[in-house]
N, C-alpha and C. Protein backbone atom coordinates (compact mmCIF):
# COMPACT_ATOMS: atom_id res chain seq x y z
N UNK A 1 -3.75 15.88 -23.64
CA UNK A 1 -3.84 15.87 -25.07
C UNK A 1 -3.04 14.67 -25.57
N UNK A 2 -3.65 13.90 -26.48
CA UNK A 2 -2.94 12.76 -27.09
C UNK A 2 -2.45 13.15 -28.47
N UNK A 3 -1.21 12.77 -28.73
CA UNK A 3 -0.60 13.06 -30.02
C UNK A 3 0.35 11.91 -30.35
N UNK A 4 0.10 11.27 -31.47
CA UNK A 4 0.94 10.16 -31.94
C UNK A 4 1.15 9.09 -30.87
N UNK A 5 0.09 8.75 -30.17
CA UNK A 5 0.16 7.67 -29.19
C UNK A 5 0.72 8.05 -27.83
N UNK A 6 1.03 9.32 -27.61
CA UNK A 6 1.54 9.78 -26.32
C UNK A 6 0.62 10.84 -25.75
N UNK A 7 0.66 10.99 -24.43
CA UNK A 7 -0.18 11.97 -23.75
C UNK A 7 0.70 13.10 -23.22
N UNK A 8 0.24 14.34 -23.44
CA UNK A 8 0.99 15.53 -23.04
C UNK A 8 0.07 16.49 -22.29
N UNK A 9 0.66 17.32 -21.48
CA UNK A 9 -0.04 18.49 -20.95
C UNK A 9 0.08 19.59 -21.99
N UNK A 10 -1.01 20.34 -22.24
CA UNK A 10 -0.88 21.53 -23.09
C UNK A 10 -0.38 22.71 -22.25
N UNK A 11 -0.77 22.72 -20.98
CA UNK A 11 -0.26 23.70 -20.01
C UNK A 11 0.14 22.93 -18.76
N UNK A 12 1.38 22.47 -18.71
CA UNK A 12 1.81 21.64 -17.58
C UNK A 12 1.89 22.44 -16.29
N UNK A 13 1.77 21.74 -15.16
CA UNK A 13 2.01 22.43 -13.89
C UNK A 13 3.45 22.94 -13.88
N UNK A 14 3.67 24.09 -13.27
CA UNK A 14 5.00 24.71 -13.36
C UNK A 14 5.57 25.10 -12.00
N UNK A 15 4.86 24.77 -10.92
CA UNK A 15 5.35 25.18 -9.61
C UNK A 15 4.95 24.15 -8.56
N UNK A 16 5.85 23.91 -7.62
CA UNK A 16 5.55 23.03 -6.50
C UNK A 16 5.87 23.79 -5.21
N UNK A 17 4.97 23.68 -4.24
CA UNK A 17 5.21 24.25 -2.91
C UNK A 17 5.49 23.09 -1.97
N UNK A 18 6.56 23.20 -1.19
CA UNK A 18 6.90 22.19 -0.19
C UNK A 18 6.87 22.83 1.18
N UNK A 19 6.08 22.25 2.08
CA UNK A 19 5.94 22.77 3.44
C UNK A 19 6.12 21.62 4.41
N UNK A 20 6.81 21.90 5.52
CA UNK A 20 6.85 20.98 6.66
C UNK A 20 6.78 21.84 7.91
N UNK A 21 6.02 21.37 8.89
CA UNK A 21 5.87 22.11 10.14
C UNK A 21 6.84 21.62 11.21
N UNK A 22 7.64 20.62 10.86
CA UNK A 22 8.67 20.07 11.74
C UNK A 22 9.99 20.15 10.99
N UNK A 23 10.91 20.99 11.43
CA UNK A 23 12.10 21.27 10.62
C UNK A 23 13.42 21.17 11.36
N UNK A 24 13.46 20.43 12.46
CA UNK A 24 14.74 20.24 13.13
C UNK A 24 15.22 18.81 12.92
N UNK A 25 16.54 18.62 13.03
CA UNK A 25 17.14 17.31 12.81
C UNK A 25 16.52 16.26 13.74
N UNK A 26 16.40 15.06 13.23
CA UNK A 26 15.90 13.89 13.95
C UNK A 26 14.47 14.00 14.45
N UNK A 27 13.80 15.07 14.13
CA UNK A 27 12.45 15.28 14.65
C UNK A 27 11.50 14.23 14.07
N UNK A 28 10.72 13.61 14.95
CA UNK A 28 9.75 12.62 14.49
C UNK A 28 8.41 13.31 14.19
N UNK A 29 7.51 12.57 13.62
CA UNK A 29 6.16 13.04 13.24
C UNK A 29 6.19 14.07 12.11
N UNK A 30 7.32 14.23 11.45
CA UNK A 30 7.39 15.19 10.34
C UNK A 30 6.53 14.70 9.18
N UNK A 31 6.01 15.64 8.45
CA UNK A 31 5.28 15.35 7.21
C UNK A 31 5.74 16.39 6.19
N UNK A 32 5.97 15.95 4.98
CA UNK A 32 6.39 16.84 3.90
C UNK A 32 5.24 16.97 2.92
N UNK A 33 4.70 18.19 2.80
CA UNK A 33 3.54 18.46 1.96
C UNK A 33 4.00 19.06 0.63
N UNK A 34 3.77 18.34 -0.45
CA UNK A 34 4.10 18.81 -1.80
C UNK A 34 2.78 19.20 -2.48
N UNK A 35 2.62 20.48 -2.83
CA UNK A 35 1.37 20.96 -3.41
C UNK A 35 1.59 21.42 -4.84
N UNK A 36 0.70 20.96 -5.72
CA UNK A 36 0.77 21.28 -7.15
C UNK A 36 -0.62 21.68 -7.62
N UNK A 37 -0.70 22.78 -8.38
CA UNK A 37 -1.96 23.22 -8.97
C UNK A 37 -1.93 22.96 -10.46
N UNK A 38 -3.04 22.40 -10.95
CA UNK A 38 -3.17 22.16 -12.39
C UNK A 38 -3.93 23.31 -13.03
N UNK A 39 -3.43 23.78 -14.13
CA UNK A 39 -4.10 24.83 -14.90
C UNK A 39 -5.44 24.29 -15.41
N UNK A 40 -6.49 25.12 -15.41
CA UNK A 40 -7.77 24.66 -15.97
C UNK A 40 -7.65 24.23 -17.44
N UNK A 41 -6.65 24.76 -18.12
CA UNK A 41 -6.43 24.41 -19.53
C UNK A 41 -5.24 23.45 -19.68
N UNK A 42 -5.02 22.59 -18.70
CA UNK A 42 -3.86 21.69 -18.70
C UNK A 42 -3.88 20.72 -19.88
N UNK A 43 -5.06 20.40 -20.39
CA UNK A 43 -5.15 19.49 -21.53
C UNK A 43 -5.15 18.03 -21.15
N UNK A 44 -4.85 17.70 -19.90
CA UNK A 44 -4.86 16.32 -19.41
C UNK A 44 -4.93 16.35 -17.90
N UNK A 45 -5.47 15.29 -17.35
CA UNK A 45 -5.47 15.13 -15.90
C UNK A 45 -4.09 14.69 -15.43
N UNK A 46 -3.84 14.86 -14.14
CA UNK A 46 -2.57 14.43 -13.54
C UNK A 46 -2.67 12.96 -13.17
N UNK A 47 -1.83 12.15 -13.80
CA UNK A 47 -1.85 10.71 -13.53
C UNK A 47 -0.83 10.27 -12.51
N UNK A 48 0.24 11.06 -12.34
CA UNK A 48 1.27 10.66 -11.39
C UNK A 48 2.36 11.69 -11.25
N UNK A 49 3.26 11.42 -10.31
CA UNK A 49 4.39 12.30 -10.03
C UNK A 49 5.61 11.45 -9.69
N UNK A 50 6.77 12.02 -9.91
CA UNK A 50 7.97 11.51 -9.25
C UNK A 50 8.51 12.65 -8.39
N UNK A 51 9.02 12.29 -7.23
CA UNK A 51 9.63 13.24 -6.30
C UNK A 51 10.97 12.64 -5.92
N UNK A 52 12.05 13.34 -6.30
CA UNK A 52 13.39 12.80 -6.09
C UNK A 52 14.26 13.77 -5.32
N UNK A 53 14.87 13.28 -4.24
CA UNK A 53 15.82 14.09 -3.48
C UNK A 53 17.07 14.29 -4.33
N UNK A 54 17.42 15.55 -4.59
CA UNK A 54 18.59 15.86 -5.41
C UNK A 54 19.68 16.57 -4.64
N UNK A 55 19.36 17.04 -3.43
CA UNK A 55 20.35 17.75 -2.62
C UNK A 55 20.05 17.51 -1.16
N UNK A 56 21.09 17.49 -0.35
CA UNK A 56 20.96 17.32 1.09
C UNK A 56 21.97 16.31 1.58
N UNK A 57 22.63 16.63 2.69
CA UNK A 57 23.72 15.80 3.22
C UNK A 57 23.25 14.39 3.54
N UNK A 58 22.11 14.26 4.20
CA UNK A 58 21.62 12.94 4.62
C UNK A 58 20.85 12.29 3.47
N UNK A 59 21.42 11.24 2.94
CA UNK A 59 20.76 10.52 1.85
C UNK A 59 20.33 9.13 2.30
N UNK A 60 20.19 8.95 3.59
CA UNK A 60 19.80 7.64 4.12
C UNK A 60 18.52 7.67 4.96
N UNK A 61 17.97 8.86 5.24
CA UNK A 61 16.77 8.87 6.08
C UNK A 61 15.62 8.18 5.33
N UNK A 62 14.85 7.41 6.08
CA UNK A 62 13.83 6.55 5.49
C UNK A 62 12.43 7.16 5.59
N UNK A 63 11.53 6.58 4.82
CA UNK A 63 10.14 7.03 4.78
C UNK A 63 9.19 5.88 5.11
N UNK A 64 8.03 6.23 5.64
CA UNK A 64 6.92 5.29 5.77
C UNK A 64 6.17 5.34 4.44
N UNK A 65 6.60 4.59 3.47
CA UNK A 65 6.02 4.66 2.12
C UNK A 65 4.53 4.33 2.17
N UNK A 66 4.16 3.35 2.98
CA UNK A 66 2.76 2.92 3.05
C UNK A 66 1.85 3.99 3.66
N UNK A 67 2.42 5.01 4.28
CA UNK A 67 1.62 6.10 4.86
C UNK A 67 1.53 7.32 3.94
N UNK A 68 2.04 7.20 2.74
CA UNK A 68 1.91 8.30 1.77
C UNK A 68 0.43 8.54 1.52
N UNK A 69 0.05 9.81 1.48
CA UNK A 69 -1.36 10.15 1.26
C UNK A 69 -1.45 11.38 0.36
N UNK A 70 -2.67 11.67 -0.06
CA UNK A 70 -2.91 12.84 -0.91
C UNK A 70 -4.32 13.37 -0.65
N UNK A 71 -4.49 14.65 -0.89
CA UNK A 71 -5.80 15.27 -0.75
C UNK A 71 -5.89 16.47 -1.69
N UNK A 72 -7.12 16.88 -1.98
CA UNK A 72 -7.33 18.08 -2.78
C UNK A 72 -7.18 19.28 -1.85
N UNK A 73 -6.58 20.35 -2.37
CA UNK A 73 -6.38 21.54 -1.57
C UNK A 73 -4.95 21.68 -1.10
N UNK A 74 -4.79 22.51 -0.06
CA UNK A 74 -3.48 22.84 0.48
C UNK A 74 -3.38 22.41 1.95
N UNK A 75 -2.15 22.34 2.48
CA UNK A 75 -2.01 22.00 3.90
C UNK A 75 -2.81 22.96 4.78
N UNK A 76 -3.43 22.39 5.80
CA UNK A 76 -4.27 23.11 6.76
C UNK A 76 -5.54 23.68 6.14
N UNK A 77 -5.79 23.36 4.87
CA UNK A 77 -7.05 23.70 4.19
C UNK A 77 -7.41 22.54 3.28
N UNK A 78 -7.27 21.33 3.81
CA UNK A 78 -7.41 20.17 2.94
C UNK A 78 -8.86 19.85 2.65
N UNK A 79 -9.05 19.32 1.44
CA UNK A 79 -10.35 18.87 1.01
C UNK A 79 -10.40 17.35 1.01
N UNK A 80 -11.08 16.81 0.02
CA UNK A 80 -11.29 15.36 -0.07
C UNK A 80 -9.97 14.62 -0.24
N UNK A 81 -9.90 13.44 0.39
CA UNK A 81 -8.73 12.57 0.20
C UNK A 81 -8.74 12.03 -1.22
N UNK A 82 -7.54 11.79 -1.73
CA UNK A 82 -7.36 11.28 -3.09
C UNK A 82 -6.57 9.98 -2.99
N UNK A 83 -7.03 8.91 -3.64
CA UNK A 83 -6.24 7.67 -3.62
C UNK A 83 -4.89 7.88 -4.31
N UNK A 84 -3.84 7.33 -3.70
CA UNK A 84 -2.50 7.44 -4.28
C UNK A 84 -1.75 6.14 -4.00
N UNK A 85 -1.01 5.67 -5.00
CA UNK A 85 -0.15 4.50 -4.86
C UNK A 85 1.28 4.99 -4.91
N UNK A 86 2.10 4.53 -3.96
CA UNK A 86 3.47 5.05 -3.84
C UNK A 86 4.49 3.92 -3.78
N UNK A 87 5.64 4.18 -4.38
CA UNK A 87 6.81 3.31 -4.22
C UNK A 87 8.01 4.22 -4.03
N UNK A 88 9.07 3.68 -3.42
CA UNK A 88 10.26 4.48 -3.13
C UNK A 88 11.50 3.67 -3.46
N UNK A 89 12.35 4.25 -4.30
CA UNK A 89 13.64 3.64 -4.63
C UNK A 89 14.68 4.32 -3.74
N UNK A 90 15.14 3.62 -2.72
CA UNK A 90 16.04 4.20 -1.74
C UNK A 90 17.36 4.65 -2.35
N UNK A 91 17.94 3.84 -3.23
CA UNK A 91 19.23 4.20 -3.83
C UNK A 91 19.14 5.46 -4.68
N UNK A 92 18.03 5.63 -5.40
CA UNK A 92 17.83 6.81 -6.24
C UNK A 92 17.20 7.97 -5.47
N UNK A 93 16.71 7.68 -4.24
CA UNK A 93 16.01 8.68 -3.43
C UNK A 93 14.79 9.22 -4.18
N UNK A 94 14.04 8.31 -4.84
CA UNK A 94 12.94 8.74 -5.70
C UNK A 94 11.63 8.03 -5.34
N UNK A 95 10.60 8.85 -5.13
CA UNK A 95 9.23 8.37 -4.99
C UNK A 95 8.59 8.34 -6.37
N UNK A 96 7.83 7.30 -6.64
CA UNK A 96 6.98 7.25 -7.82
C UNK A 96 5.55 7.14 -7.30
N UNK A 97 4.72 8.10 -7.70
CA UNK A 97 3.35 8.18 -7.21
C UNK A 97 2.39 8.06 -8.39
N UNK A 98 1.32 7.30 -8.19
CA UNK A 98 0.30 7.14 -9.22
C UNK A 98 -1.06 7.43 -8.60
N UNK A 99 -1.87 8.19 -9.35
CA UNK A 99 -3.22 8.49 -8.91
C UNK A 99 -4.19 7.60 -9.67
N UNK A 100 -4.77 6.56 -9.04
CA UNK A 100 -5.72 5.69 -9.73
C UNK A 100 -6.94 6.47 -10.24
N UNK A 101 -7.28 7.55 -9.54
CA UNK A 101 -8.33 8.46 -9.99
C UNK A 101 -7.63 9.78 -10.31
N UNK A 102 -7.25 10.00 -11.58
CA UNK A 102 -6.43 11.17 -11.93
C UNK A 102 -7.03 12.49 -11.46
N UNK A 103 -6.15 13.44 -11.19
CA UNK A 103 -6.52 14.77 -10.72
C UNK A 103 -6.90 15.63 -11.93
N UNK A 104 -8.09 16.19 -11.90
CA UNK A 104 -8.61 16.95 -13.05
C UNK A 104 -7.95 18.31 -13.19
N UNK A 105 -7.88 18.82 -14.43
CA UNK A 105 -7.39 20.18 -14.64
C UNK A 105 -8.17 21.17 -13.78
N UNK A 106 -7.48 22.18 -13.28
CA UNK A 106 -8.09 23.20 -12.44
C UNK A 106 -8.06 22.88 -10.96
N UNK A 107 -7.64 21.66 -10.60
CA UNK A 107 -7.61 21.28 -9.19
C UNK A 107 -6.20 21.44 -8.61
N UNK A 108 -6.15 21.57 -7.30
CA UNK A 108 -4.90 21.61 -6.55
C UNK A 108 -4.82 20.35 -5.71
N UNK A 109 -3.68 19.68 -5.76
CA UNK A 109 -3.50 18.44 -5.00
C UNK A 109 -2.25 18.56 -4.13
N UNK A 110 -2.32 17.98 -2.96
CA UNK A 110 -1.18 17.92 -2.05
C UNK A 110 -0.88 16.46 -1.74
N UNK A 111 0.39 16.10 -1.90
CA UNK A 111 0.88 14.77 -1.55
C UNK A 111 1.65 14.90 -0.25
N UNK A 112 1.43 13.96 0.66
CA UNK A 112 2.08 13.99 1.97
C UNK A 112 3.04 12.80 2.07
N UNK A 113 4.33 13.09 2.21
CA UNK A 113 5.34 12.06 2.44
C UNK A 113 5.71 12.09 3.92
N UNK A 114 5.88 10.91 4.51
CA UNK A 114 6.15 10.83 5.95
C UNK A 114 7.47 10.10 6.20
N UNK A 115 8.50 10.85 6.59
CA UNK A 115 9.76 10.19 6.95
C UNK A 115 9.63 9.54 8.33
N UNK A 116 10.52 8.57 8.60
CA UNK A 116 10.56 7.99 9.95
C UNK A 116 10.86 9.11 10.93
N UNK A 117 11.79 9.97 10.55
CA UNK A 117 12.14 11.19 11.29
C UNK A 117 12.90 12.08 10.30
N UNK A 118 13.07 13.32 10.66
CA UNK A 118 13.81 14.23 9.78
C UNK A 118 15.25 13.76 9.62
N UNK A 119 15.94 14.26 8.60
CA UNK A 119 17.35 13.90 8.40
C UNK A 119 18.19 14.17 9.65
N UNK A 120 19.30 13.44 9.74
CA UNK A 120 20.21 13.57 10.88
C UNK A 120 21.10 14.80 10.79
N UNK A 121 21.20 15.38 9.60
CA UNK A 121 22.10 16.53 9.39
C UNK A 121 21.31 17.74 8.91
N UNK A 122 21.63 18.89 9.49
CA UNK A 122 21.01 20.12 9.03
C UNK A 122 21.56 20.46 7.65
N UNK A 123 20.69 20.96 6.80
CA UNK A 123 21.09 21.30 5.43
C UNK A 123 19.85 21.80 4.70
N UNK A 124 20.05 22.24 3.48
CA UNK A 124 18.95 22.55 2.58
C UNK A 124 18.75 21.33 1.70
N UNK A 125 17.59 20.72 1.82
CA UNK A 125 17.25 19.52 1.05
C UNK A 125 16.36 19.94 -0.12
N UNK A 126 16.68 19.42 -1.29
CA UNK A 126 15.90 19.76 -2.48
C UNK A 126 15.32 18.50 -3.10
N UNK A 127 14.09 18.64 -3.59
CA UNK A 127 13.37 17.53 -4.19
C UNK A 127 12.86 17.97 -5.56
N UNK A 128 13.26 17.25 -6.59
CA UNK A 128 12.82 17.55 -7.95
C UNK A 128 11.49 16.84 -8.19
N UNK A 129 10.51 17.58 -8.70
CA UNK A 129 9.18 17.03 -8.94
C UNK A 129 8.90 17.03 -10.44
N UNK A 130 8.41 15.89 -10.92
CA UNK A 130 8.04 15.73 -12.32
C UNK A 130 6.60 15.22 -12.37
N UNK A 131 5.78 15.82 -13.25
CA UNK A 131 4.38 15.44 -13.39
C UNK A 131 4.18 14.59 -14.64
N UNK A 132 3.25 13.65 -14.54
CA UNK A 132 2.92 12.78 -15.67
C UNK A 132 1.42 12.88 -15.94
N UNK A 133 1.04 13.20 -17.19
CA UNK A 133 -0.38 13.25 -17.51
C UNK A 133 -0.99 11.86 -17.49
N UNK A 134 -2.28 11.78 -17.22
CA UNK A 134 -3.00 10.51 -17.27
C UNK A 134 -3.25 10.16 -18.73
N UNK A 135 -2.95 8.95 -19.11
CA UNK A 135 -3.17 8.51 -20.48
C UNK A 135 -2.04 7.63 -20.96
N UNK A 136 -2.13 7.16 -22.19
CA UNK A 136 -1.10 6.27 -22.72
C UNK A 136 0.22 7.00 -22.96
N UNK A 137 1.31 6.33 -22.69
CA UNK A 137 2.66 6.86 -22.92
C UNK A 137 2.79 8.31 -22.46
N UNK A 138 2.63 8.57 -21.17
CA UNK A 138 2.67 9.96 -20.69
C UNK A 138 4.04 10.59 -20.88
N UNK A 139 4.03 11.83 -21.36
CA UNK A 139 5.26 12.59 -21.53
C UNK A 139 5.52 13.38 -20.24
N UNK A 140 6.65 13.14 -19.57
CA UNK A 140 6.91 13.82 -18.30
C UNK A 140 7.07 15.33 -18.46
N UNK A 141 6.61 16.05 -17.46
CA UNK A 141 6.73 17.51 -17.44
C UNK A 141 7.41 17.93 -16.14
N UNK A 142 8.64 18.51 -16.22
CA UNK A 142 9.30 18.97 -14.99
C UNK A 142 8.49 20.09 -14.35
N UNK A 143 8.22 19.96 -13.06
CA UNK A 143 7.43 20.95 -12.34
C UNK A 143 8.34 21.95 -11.63
N UNK A 144 9.41 21.47 -11.05
CA UNK A 144 10.32 22.34 -10.33
C UNK A 144 10.90 21.63 -9.12
N UNK A 145 11.44 22.42 -8.21
CA UNK A 145 12.09 21.88 -7.02
C UNK A 145 11.39 22.37 -5.77
N UNK A 146 11.19 21.47 -4.84
CA UNK A 146 10.72 21.83 -3.51
C UNK A 146 11.93 21.92 -2.60
N UNK A 147 11.99 22.96 -1.79
CA UNK A 147 13.13 23.18 -0.89
C UNK A 147 12.68 23.01 0.55
N UNK A 148 13.45 22.22 1.29
CA UNK A 148 13.17 21.96 2.69
C UNK A 148 14.43 22.25 3.50
N UNK A 149 14.34 23.17 4.44
CA UNK A 149 15.49 23.49 5.29
C UNK A 149 15.34 22.77 6.62
N UNK A 150 16.36 22.00 6.96
CA UNK A 150 16.39 21.28 8.23
C UNK A 150 17.46 21.93 9.11
N UNK A 151 17.07 22.26 10.34
CA UNK A 151 17.93 23.02 11.24
C UNK A 151 18.39 22.18 12.43
N UNK A 152 19.56 22.55 12.98
CA UNK A 152 19.99 22.04 14.28
C UNK A 152 19.30 22.88 15.34
N UNK A 153 18.83 22.26 16.42
CA UNK A 153 18.21 23.08 17.46
C UNK A 153 19.25 23.97 18.13
N UNK A 154 18.81 25.10 18.61
CA UNK A 154 19.71 26.01 19.32
C UNK A 154 19.86 25.54 20.75
N UNK A 155 21.08 25.20 21.12
CA UNK A 155 21.35 24.78 22.49
C UNK A 155 22.15 25.88 23.19
N UNK A 156 21.72 26.29 24.39
CA UNK A 156 22.46 27.36 25.09
C UNK A 156 23.83 26.91 25.53
C-alpha cells in the first residue's frame, strides 16, 4: 500500500522460522534457512529483507555472500528458485537482501545463507529479521528473531 510517497504492508509478515541441519561448532557445509510467509492480504509484495546477528559469542564467522539463494516454499519442500541480491556488512553482522522479482502476497519464501563454517563457539545465536515492501520509500516491518543453537560435539 502506498501512502504519502511511502510503501507499507497492511498486514506485515510477523514470524520467521530459522532451520539448520548442521549445528555443531566449526561444521562446514552448513546452511541457514530463513523462512517467511506473506499474508494474502499483505497489501504489498516483499521487496527485501535485512538479517542481522544480534546475539552469539562468535561475531567473526564469515559467509559465502555470493552463494546466498532463495526459493518459494520451505526447506526440504522447496519450489521455484527466486532471484536474490545479497550484501553483507561484517562489522554490523547484517545481510541486506533484495528481490529483483518481489515475492507476492500469499507466498512463502526461504532465504539460504551459507557460512564458511559454523561459529567457533557454542551458543544461542539470534538473527533479527526486518521485511521491506516492494515500492518507493519502503517502510520497514520487524518480522522477529530467528534462533540458531550451535553445540559442542560430545567427546567421550
